PDB file of N, CA and C in Angstrom:
ATOM      1  N   MET A   1       8.927 -49.957   1.674  1.00  0.00           N
ATOM      2  CA  MET A   1       8.036 -49.752   0.553  1.00  0.00           C
ATOM      3  C   MET A   1       7.260 -51.031   0.281  1.00  0.00           C
ATOM      4  N   ARG A   2       6.040 -50.834  -0.164  1.00  0.00           N
ATOM      5  CA  ARG A   2       5.198 -51.970  -0.520  1.00  0.00           C
ATOM      6  C   ARG A   2       5.515 -52.425  -1.936  1.00  0.00           C
ATOM      7  N   LYS A   3       5.162 -53.656  -2.216  1.00  0.00           N
ATOM      8  CA  LYS A   3       5.329 -54.164  -3.579  1.00  0.00           C
ATOM      9  C   LYS A   3       4.231 -53.627  -4.482  1.00  0.00           C
ATOM     10  N   ASN A   4       3.024 -53.459  -3.940  1.00  0.00           N
ATOM     11  CA  ASN A   4       1.885 -52.964  -4.707  1.00  0.00           C
ATOM     12  C   ASN A   4       1.164 -51.871  -3.933  1.00  0.00           C
ATOM     13  N   TYR A   5       0.638 -50.933  -4.668  1.00  0.00           N
ATOM     14  CA  TYR A   5      -0.150 -49.847  -4.075  1.00  0.00           C
ATOM     15  C   TYR A   5      -1.525 -49.850  -4.722  1.00  0.00           C
ATOM     16  N   ASP A   6      -2.559 -49.540  -3.939  1.00  0.00           N
ATOM     17  CA  ASP A   6      -3.926 -49.495  -4.439  1.00  0.00           C
ATOM     18  C   ASP A   6      -4.310 -48.034  -4.704  1.00  0.00           C
ATOM     19  N   PHE A   7      -4.456 -47.671  -5.971  1.00  0.00           N
ATOM     20  CA  PHE A   7      -4.860 -46.329  -6.350  1.00  0.00           C
ATOM     21  C   PHE A   7      -6.332 -46.298  -6.754  1.00  0.00           C
ATOM     22  N   GLY A   8      -7.099 -47.298  -6.341  1.00  0.00           N
ATOM     23  CA  GLY A   8      -8.505 -47.405  -6.697  1.00  0.00           C
ATOM     24  C   GLY A   8      -9.350 -46.243  -6.188  1.00  0.00           C
ATOM     25  N   LYS A   9      -8.960 -45.647  -5.069  1.00  0.00           N
ATOM     26  CA  LYS A   9      -9.710 -44.518  -4.513  1.00  0.00           C
ATOM     27  C   LYS A   9      -9.052 -43.181  -4.869  1.00  0.00           C
ATOM     28  N   GLY A  10      -8.082 -43.227  -5.745  1.00  0.00           N
ATOM     29  CA  GLY A  10      -7.397 -41.996  -6.148  1.00  0.00           C
ATOM     30  C   GLY A  10      -8.298 -41.092  -6.972  1.00  0.00           C
ATOM     31  N   LYS A  11      -8.002 -39.799  -6.954  1.00  0.00           N
ATOM     32  CA  LYS A  11      -8.793 -38.819  -7.698  1.00  0.00           C
ATOM     33  C   LYS A  11      -7.906 -38.134  -8.722  1.00  0.00           C
ATOM     34  N   CYS A  12      -8.482 -37.894  -9.907  1.00  0.00           N
ATOM     35  CA  CYS A  12      -7.768 -37.174 -10.952  1.00  0.00           C
ATOM     36  C   CYS A  12      -7.927 -35.676 -10.723  1.00  0.00           C
ATOM     37  N   GLY A  13      -7.007 -34.922 -11.238  1.00  0.00           N
ATOM     38  CA  GLY A  13      -7.119 -33.466 -11.145  1.00  0.00           C
ATOM     39  C   GLY A  13      -5.963 -32.880 -10.370  1.00  0.00           C
ATOM     40  N   ARG A  14      -6.187 -31.670  -9.892  1.00  0.00           N
ATOM     41  CA  ARG A  14      -5.171 -30.924  -9.185  1.00  0.00           C
ATOM     42  C   ARG A  14      -4.726 -31.638  -7.917  1.00  0.00           C
ATOM     43  N   LEU A  15      -3.449 -31.630  -7.661  1.00  0.00           N
ATOM     44  CA  LEU A  15      -2.915 -32.218  -6.449  1.00  0.00           C
ATOM     45  C   LEU A  15      -2.840 -31.159  -5.369  1.00  0.00           C
ATOM     46  N   VAL A  16      -3.108 -31.531  -4.163  1.00  0.00           N
ATOM     47  CA  VAL A  16      -2.988 -30.614  -3.035  1.00  0.00           C
ATOM     48  C   VAL A  16      -1.619 -30.836  -2.434  1.00  0.00           C
ATOM     49  N   SER A  17      -0.798 -29.792  -2.492  1.00  0.00           N
ATOM     50  CA  SER A  17       0.551 -29.893  -1.966  1.00  0.00           C
ATOM     51  C   SER A  17       0.552 -29.604  -0.477  1.00  0.00           C
ATOM     52  N   GLN A  18       1.246 -30.403   0.279  1.00  0.00           N
ATOM     53  CA  GLN A  18       1.344 -30.173   1.714  1.00  0.00           C
ATOM     54  C   GLN A  18       2.508 -29.247   2.017  1.00  0.00           C
ATOM     55  N   VAL A  19       3.374 -28.995   1.043  1.00  0.00           N
ATOM     56  CA  VAL A  19       4.546 -28.151   1.247  1.00  0.00           C
ATOM     57  C   VAL A  19       4.222 -26.688   0.952  1.00  0.00           C
ATOM     58  N   GLU A  20       3.397 -26.429  -0.032  1.00  0.00           N
ATOM     59  CA  GLU A  20       3.066 -25.063  -0.440  1.00  0.00           C
ATOM     60  C   GLU A  20       2.246 -24.361   0.635  1.00  0.00           C
ATOM     61  N   PRO A  21       2.542 -23.085   0.888  1.00  0.00           N
ATOM     62  CA  PRO A  21       1.722 -22.340   1.848  1.00  0.00           C
ATOM     63  C   PRO A  21       0.284 -22.209   1.348  1.00  0.00           C
ATOM     64  N   ARG A  22      -0.657 -22.178   2.267  1.00  0.00           N
ATOM     65  CA  ARG A  22      -2.061 -22.024   1.885  1.00  0.00           C
ATOM     66  C   ARG A  22      -2.236 -20.680   1.202  1.00  0.00           C
ATOM     67  N   GLY A  23      -3.110 -20.660   0.198  1.00  0.00           N
ATOM     68  CA  GLY A  23      -3.355 -19.423  -0.515  1.00  0.00           C
ATOM     69  C   GLY A  23      -2.426 -19.212  -1.694  1.00  0.00           C
ATOM     70  N   LYS A  24      -1.536 -20.130  -1.930  1.00  0.00           N
ATOM     71  CA  LYS A  24      -0.621 -20.028  -3.051  1.00  0.00           C
ATOM     72  C   LYS A  24      -0.945 -21.135  -4.051  1.00  0.00           C
ATOM     73  N   THR A  25      -0.759 -20.841  -5.336  1.00  0.00           N
ATOM     74  CA  THR A  25      -1.009 -21.804  -6.392  1.00  0.00           C
ATOM     75  C   THR A  25       0.224 -21.906  -7.264  1.00  0.00           C
ATOM     76  N   ARG A  26       0.648 -23.115  -7.524  1.00  0.00           N
ATOM     77  CA  ARG A  26       1.803 -23.328  -8.404  1.00  0.00           C
ATOM     78  C   ARG A  26       1.306 -23.272  -9.843  1.00  0.00           C
ATOM     79  N   ILE A  27       1.921 -22.388 -10.644  1.00  0.00           N
ATOM     80  CA  ILE A  27       1.581 -22.267 -12.059  1.00  0.00           C
ATOM     81  C   ILE A  27       2.855 -22.184 -12.875  1.00  0.00           C
ATOM     82  N   THR A  28       2.718 -22.329 -14.154  1.00  0.00           N
ATOM     83  CA  THR A  28       3.824 -22.094 -15.077  1.00  0.00           C
ATOM     84  C   THR A  28       3.476 -20.843 -15.857  1.00  0.00           C
ATOM     85  N   ILE A  29       4.402 -19.896 -15.881  1.00  0.00           N
ATOM     86  CA  ILE A  29       4.167 -18.627 -16.566  1.00  0.00           C
ATOM     87  C   ILE A  29       5.462 -18.236 -17.278  1.00  0.00           C
ATOM     88  N   ARG A  30       5.313 -17.654 -18.442  1.00  0.00           N
ATOM     89  CA  ARG A  30       6.485 -17.219 -19.198  1.00  0.00           C
ATOM     90  C   ARG A  30       6.544 -15.697 -19.144  1.00  0.00           C
ATOM     91  N   LEU A  31       7.664 -15.177 -18.608  1.00  0.00           N
ATOM     92  CA  LEU A  31       7.859 -13.742 -18.474  1.00  0.00           C
ATOM     93  C   LEU A  31       9.053 -13.316 -19.327  1.00  0.00           C
ATOM     94  N   ASP A  32       9.054 -12.049 -19.720  1.00  0.00           N
ATOM     95  CA  ASP A  32      10.189 -11.519 -20.465  1.00  0.00           C
ATOM     96  C   ASP A  32      11.454 -11.633 -19.619  1.00  0.00           C
ATOM     97  N   GLU A  33      12.558 -11.969 -20.281  1.00  0.00           N
ATOM     98  CA  GLU A  33      13.824 -12.164 -19.584  1.00  0.00           C
ATOM     99  C   GLU A  33      14.252 -10.907 -18.829  1.00  0.00           C
ATOM    100  N   GLY A  34      14.059  -9.747 -19.448  1.00  0.00           N
ATOM    101  CA  GLY A  34      14.435  -8.493 -18.799  1.00  0.00           C
ATOM    102  C   GLY A  34      13.662  -8.232 -17.527  1.00  0.00           C
ATOM    103  N   LEU A  35      12.393  -8.616 -17.521  1.00  0.00           N
ATOM    104  CA  LEU A  35      11.553  -8.443 -16.340  1.00  0.00           C
ATOM    105  C   LEU A  35      12.043  -9.340 -15.201  1.00  0.00           C
ATOM    106  N   VAL A  36      12.341 -10.581 -15.513  1.00  0.00           N
ATOM    107  CA  VAL A  36      12.845 -11.502 -14.491  1.00  0.00           C
ATOM    108  C   VAL A  36      14.194 -11.013 -13.973  1.00  0.00           C
ATOM    109  N   ASP A  37      15.059 -10.545 -14.879  1.00  0.00           N
ATOM    110  CA  ASP A  37      16.365 -10.016 -14.471  1.00  0.00           C
ATOM    111  C   ASP A  37      16.212  -8.850 -13.499  1.00  0.00           C
ATOM    112  N   HIS A  38      15.248  -7.977 -13.776  1.00  0.00           N
ATOM    113  CA  HIS A  38      14.990  -6.825 -12.898  1.00  0.00           C
ATOM    114  C   HIS A  38      14.678  -7.293 -11.479  1.00  0.00           C
ATOM    115  N   PHE A  39      13.768  -8.257 -11.345  1.00  0.00           N
ATOM    116  CA  PHE A  39      13.380  -8.734 -10.023  1.00  0.00           C
ATOM    117  C   PHE A  39      14.487  -9.552  -9.371  1.00  0.00           C
ATOM    118  N   LEU A  40      15.296 -10.252 -10.166  1.00  0.00           N
ATOM    119  CA  LEU A  40      16.445 -10.970  -9.607  1.00  0.00           C
ATOM    120  C   LEU A  40      17.460  -9.985  -9.024  1.00  0.00           C
ATOM    121  N   ARG A  41      17.686  -8.858  -9.720  1.00  0.00           N
ATOM    122  CA  ARG A  41      18.604  -7.832  -9.210  1.00  0.00           C
ATOM    123  C   ARG A  41      18.056  -7.227  -7.914  1.00  0.00           C
ATOM    124  N   GLN A  42      16.749  -6.973  -7.877  1.00  0.00           N
ATOM    125  CA  GLN A  42      16.146  -6.439  -6.653  1.00  0.00           C
ATOM    126  C   GLN A  42      16.288  -7.424  -5.491  1.00  0.00           C
ATOM    127  N   ALA A  43      16.098  -8.698  -5.792  1.00  0.00           N
ATOM    128  CA  ALA A  43      16.228  -9.730  -4.756  1.00  0.00           C
ATOM    129  C   ALA A  43      17.665  -9.790  -4.251  1.00  0.00           C
ATOM    130  N   ASP A  44      18.630  -9.705  -5.157  1.00  0.00           N
ATOM    131  CA  ASP A  44      20.038  -9.697  -4.754  1.00  0.00           C
ATOM    132  C   ASP A  44      20.348  -8.472  -3.898  1.00  0.00           C
ATOM    133  N   ALA A  45      19.811  -7.319  -4.286  1.00  0.00           N
ATOM    134  CA  ALA A  45      20.045  -6.075  -3.551  1.00  0.00           C
ATOM    135  C   ALA A  45      19.441  -6.127  -2.152  1.00  0.00           C
ATOM    136  N   SER A  46      18.416  -6.934  -1.965  1.00  0.00           N
ATOM    137  CA  SER A  46      17.784  -7.034  -0.647  1.00  0.00           C
ATOM    138  C   SER A  46      18.618  -7.883   0.305  1.00  0.00           C
ATOM    139  N   GLY A  47      19.661  -8.504  -0.197  1.00  0.00           N
ATOM    140  CA  GLY A  47      20.523  -9.318   0.659  1.00  0.00           C
ATOM    141  C   GLY A  47      19.861 -10.592   1.139  1.00  0.00           C
ATOM    142  N   GLY A  48      18.918 -11.083   0.374  1.00  0.00           N
ATOM    143  CA  GLY A  48      18.238 -12.322   0.742  1.00  0.00           C
ATOM    144  C   GLY A  48      16.983 -12.099   1.572  1.00  0.00           C
ATOM    145  N   ALA A  49      16.630 -10.837   1.797  1.00  0.00           N
ATOM    146  CA  ALA A  49      15.427 -10.551   2.589  1.00  0.00           C
ATOM    147  C   ALA A  49      14.164 -10.926   1.829  1.00  0.00           C
ATOM    148  N   ALA A  50      14.218 -10.855   0.501  1.00  0.00           N
ATOM    149  CA  ALA A  50      13.048 -11.195  -0.317  1.00  0.00           C
ATOM    150  C   ALA A  50      13.505 -11.920  -1.567  1.00  0.00           C
ATOM    151  N   GLY A  51      12.774 -12.945  -1.952  1.00  0.00           N
ATOM    152  CA  GLY A  51      13.074 -13.667  -3.177  1.00  0.00           C
ATOM    153  C   GLY A  51      12.414 -12.983  -4.362  1.00  0.00           C
ATOM    154  N   TYR A  52      12.894 -13.302  -5.555  1.00  0.00           N
ATOM    155  CA  TYR A  52      12.371 -12.634  -6.745  1.00  0.00           C
ATOM    156  C   TYR A  52      10.893 -12.955  -6.975  1.00  0.00           C
ATOM    157  N   GLN A  53      10.455 -14.161  -6.645  1.00  0.00           N
ATOM    158  CA  GLN A  53       9.047 -14.500  -6.829  1.00  0.00           C
ATOM    159  C   GLN A  53       8.166 -13.706  -5.869  1.00  0.00           C
ATOM    160  N   THR A  54       8.635 -13.495  -4.655  1.00  0.00           N
ATOM    161  CA  THR A  54       7.905 -12.680  -3.694  1.00  0.00           C
ATOM    162  C   THR A  54       7.782 -11.250  -4.193  1.00  0.00           C
ATOM    163  N   LEU A  55       8.857 -10.712  -4.766  1.00  0.00           N
ATOM    164  CA  LEU A  55       8.837  -9.346  -5.288  1.00  0.00           C
ATOM    165  C   LEU A  55       7.875  -9.211  -6.469  1.00  0.00           C
ATOM    166  N   ILE A  56       7.864 -10.206  -7.348  1.00  0.00           N
ATOM    167  CA  ILE A  56       6.929 -10.190  -8.477  1.00  0.00           C
ATOM    168  C   ILE A  56       5.496 -10.241  -7.946  1.00  0.00           C
ATOM    169  N   ASN A  57       5.253 -11.096  -6.962  1.00  0.00           N
ATOM    170  CA  ASN A  57       3.929 -11.236  -6.367  1.00  0.00           C
ATOM    171  C   ASN A  57       3.472  -9.910  -5.753  1.00  0.00           C
ATOM    172  N   GLU A  58       4.365  -9.224  -5.025  1.00  0.00           N
ATOM    173  CA  GLU A  58       4.019  -7.940  -4.403  1.00  0.00           C
ATOM    174  C   GLU A  58       3.719  -6.882  -5.455  1.00  0.00           C
ATOM    175  N   ALA A  59       4.509  -6.846  -6.535  1.00  0.00           N
ATOM    176  CA  ALA A  59       4.280  -5.866  -7.597  1.00  0.00           C
ATOM    177  C   ALA A  59       2.928  -6.106  -8.265  1.00  0.00           C
ATOM    178  N   LEU A  60       2.611  -7.356  -8.532  1.00  0.00           N
ATOM    179  CA  LEU A  60       1.319  -7.674  -9.134  1.00  0.00           C
ATOM    180  C   LEU A  60       0.170  -7.325  -8.196  1.00  0.00           C
ATOM    181  N   ARG A  61       0.341  -7.621  -6.910  1.00  0.00           N
ATOM    182  CA  ARG A  61      -0.713  -7.319  -5.933  1.00  0.00           C
ATOM    183  C   ARG A  61      -0.953  -5.809  -5.859  1.00  0.00           C
ATOM    184  N   GLN A  62       0.121  -5.006  -5.838  1.00  0.00           N
ATOM    185  CA  GLN A  62      -0.030  -3.541  -5.815  1.00  0.00           C
ATOM    186  C   GLN A  62      -0.778  -3.058  -7.047  1.00  0.00           C
ATOM    187  N   HIS A  63      -0.455  -3.626  -8.187  1.00  0.00           N
ATOM    188  CA  HIS A  63      -1.123  -3.230  -9.430  1.00  0.00           C
ATOM    189  C   HIS A  63      -2.614  -3.572  -9.369  1.00  0.00           C
ATOM    190  N   VAL A  64      -2.932  -4.772  -8.955  1.00  0.00           N
ATOM    191  CA  VAL A  64      -4.318  -5.230  -8.907  1.00  0.00           C
ATOM    192  C   VAL A  64      -5.129  -4.412  -7.899  1.00  0.00           C
ATOM    193  N   GLU A  65      -4.515  -4.068  -6.772  1.00  0.00           N
ATOM    194  CA  GLU A  65      -5.216  -3.316  -5.731  1.00  0.00           C
ATOM    195  C   GLU A  65      -5.221  -1.817  -6.006  1.00  0.00           C
ATOM    196  N   GLY A  66      -4.605  -1.400  -7.109  1.00  0.00           N
ATOM    197  CA  GLY A  66      -4.577   0.015  -7.461  1.00  0.00           C
ATOM    198  C   GLY A  66      -3.615   0.831  -6.624  1.00  0.00           C
ATOM    199  N   LYS A  67      -2.661   0.176  -5.971  1.00  0.00           N
ATOM    200  CA  LYS A  67      -1.693   0.875  -5.120  1.00  0.00           C
ATOM    201  C   LYS A  67      -0.370   1.127  -5.837  1.00  0.00           C
ATOM    202  N   ALA A  68      -0.210   0.552  -7.010  1.00  0.00           N
ATOM    203  CA  ALA A  68       1.031   0.743  -7.758  1.00  0.00           C
ATOM    204  C   ALA A  68       1.084   2.174  -8.276  1.00  0.00           C
ATOM    205  N   PRO A  69       2.293   2.750  -8.344  1.00  0.00           N
ATOM    206  CA  PRO A  69       2.403   4.113  -8.873  1.00  0.00           C
ATOM    207  C   PRO A  69       1.858   4.171 -10.300  1.00  0.00           C
ATOM    208  N   LYS A  70       1.089   5.196 -10.580  1.00  0.00           N
ATOM    209  CA  LYS A  70       0.553   5.376 -11.922  1.00  0.00           C
ATOM    210  C   LYS A  70       1.664   5.843 -12.856  1.00  0.00           C
ATOM    211  N   PHE A  71       1.577   5.465 -14.115  1.00  0.00           N
ATOM    212  CA  PHE A  71       2.599   5.815 -15.097  1.00  0.00           C
ATOM    213  C   PHE A  71       2.779   7.327 -15.171  1.00  0.00           C
ATOM    214  N   GLU A  72       1.661   8.050 -15.196  1.00  0.00           N
ATOM    215  CA  GLU A  72       1.727   9.509 -15.324  1.00  0.00           C
ATOM    216  C   GLU A  72       2.445  10.127 -14.133  1.00  0.00           C
ATOM    217  N   ALA A  73       2.166   9.634 -12.937  1.00  0.00           N
ATOM    218  CA  ALA A  73       2.805  10.163 -11.731  1.00  0.00           C
ATOM    219  C   ALA A  73       4.303   9.883 -11.749  1.00  0.00           C
ATOM    220  N   THR A  74       4.674   8.703 -12.185  1.00  0.00           N
ATOM    221  CA  THR A  74       6.087   8.350 -12.262  1.00  0.00           C
ATOM    222  C   THR A  74       6.798   9.209 -13.298  1.00  0.00           C
ATOM    223  N   LEU A  75       6.195   9.376 -14.462  1.00  0.00           N
ATOM    224  CA  LEU A  75       6.784  10.199 -15.511  1.00  0.00           C
ATOM    225  C   LEU A  75       6.925  11.650 -15.045  1.00  0.00           C
ATOM    226  N   ARG A  76       5.904  12.167 -14.394  1.00  0.00           N
ATOM    227  CA  ARG A  76       5.942  13.539 -13.880  1.00  0.00           C
ATOM    228  C   ARG A  76       7.085  13.710 -12.880  1.00  0.00           C
ATOM    229  N   ARG A  77       7.255  12.750 -11.977  1.00  0.00           N
ATOM    230  CA  ARG A  77       8.329  12.809 -10.987  1.00  0.00           C
ATOM    231  C   ARG A  77       9.695  12.816 -11.651  1.00  0.00           C
ATOM    232  N   ILE A  78       9.877  11.968 -12.659  1.00  0.00           N
ATOM    233  CA  ILE A  78      11.162  11.896 -13.367  1.00  0.00           C
ATOM    234  C   ILE A  78      11.455  13.204 -14.079  1.00  0.00           C
ATOM    235  N   VAL A  79      10.467  13.772 -14.750  1.00  0.00           N
ATOM    236  CA  VAL A  79      10.658  15.037 -15.479  1.00  0.00           C
ATOM    237  C   VAL A  79      10.997  16.141 -14.477  1.00  0.00           C
ATOM    238  N   GLN A  80      10.304  16.205 -13.355  1.00  0.00           N
ATOM    239  CA  GLN A  80      10.569  17.228 -12.361  1.00  0.00           C
ATOM    240  C   GLN A  80      11.989  17.103 -11.805  1.00  0.00           C
ATOM    241  N   GLU A  81      12.460  15.876 -11.574  1.00  0.00           N
ATOM    242  CA  GLU A  81      13.834  15.674 -11.098  1.00  0.00           C
ATOM    243  C   GLU A  81      14.840  16.163 -12.127  1.00  0.00           C
ATOM    244  N   LYS A  82      14.587  15.875 -13.396  1.00  0.00           N
ATOM    245  CA  LYS A  82      15.490  16.299 -14.468  1.00  0.00           C
ATOM    246  C   LYS A  82      15.534  17.817 -14.561  1.00  0.00           C
ATOM    247  N   VAL A  83      14.366  18.457 -14.451  1.00  0.00           N
ATOM    248  CA  VAL A  83      14.294  19.931 -14.537  1.00  0.00           C
ATOM    249  C   VAL A  83      15.040  20.554 -13.366  1.00  0.00           C
ATOM    250  N   ARG A  84      14.867  19.996 -12.176  1.00  0.00           N
ATOM    251  CA  ARG A  84      15.576  20.518 -10.983  1.00  0.00           C
ATOM    252  C   ARG A  84      17.090  20.414 -11.161  1.00  0.00           C
ATOM    253  N   ARG A  85      17.550  19.289 -11.672  1.00  0.00           N
ATOM    254  CA  ARG A  85      19.004  19.092 -11.865  1.00  0.00           C
ATOM    255  C   ARG A  85      19.558  20.033 -12.930  1.00  0.00           C
ATOM    256  N   ALA A  86      18.755  20.273 -13.962  1.00  0.00           N
ATOM    257  CA  ALA A  86      19.208  21.124 -15.076  1.00  0.00           C
ATOM    258  C   ALA A  86      19.184  22.605 -14.681  1.00  0.00           C
ATOM    259  N   GLY A  87      18.311  23.004 -13.761  1.00  0.00           N
ATOM    260  CA  GLY A  87      18.105  24.411 -13.411  1.00  0.00           C
ATOM    261  C   GLY A  87      18.935  24.815 -12.287  1.00  0.00           C
TER     262      GLY A  87
END
């Protein structure tokens, strides 16, 4: 290590991480505890195949791209399953 470092050419602002994959941005976000718990359980169930942050990212991407199941479709499916079981 040097005794002194010259930061005269340094730049203020966002740091470029060499460890982070390209196309990813490190942010701080506050999520409901129950939501994080849900994705942690899914990550555990995957046996380590996917981390909880990856699962959250995929869910958000599906929603943004319009590929996520619509609420009405999900509700309809649940009601139909209940009716089938009851009948």
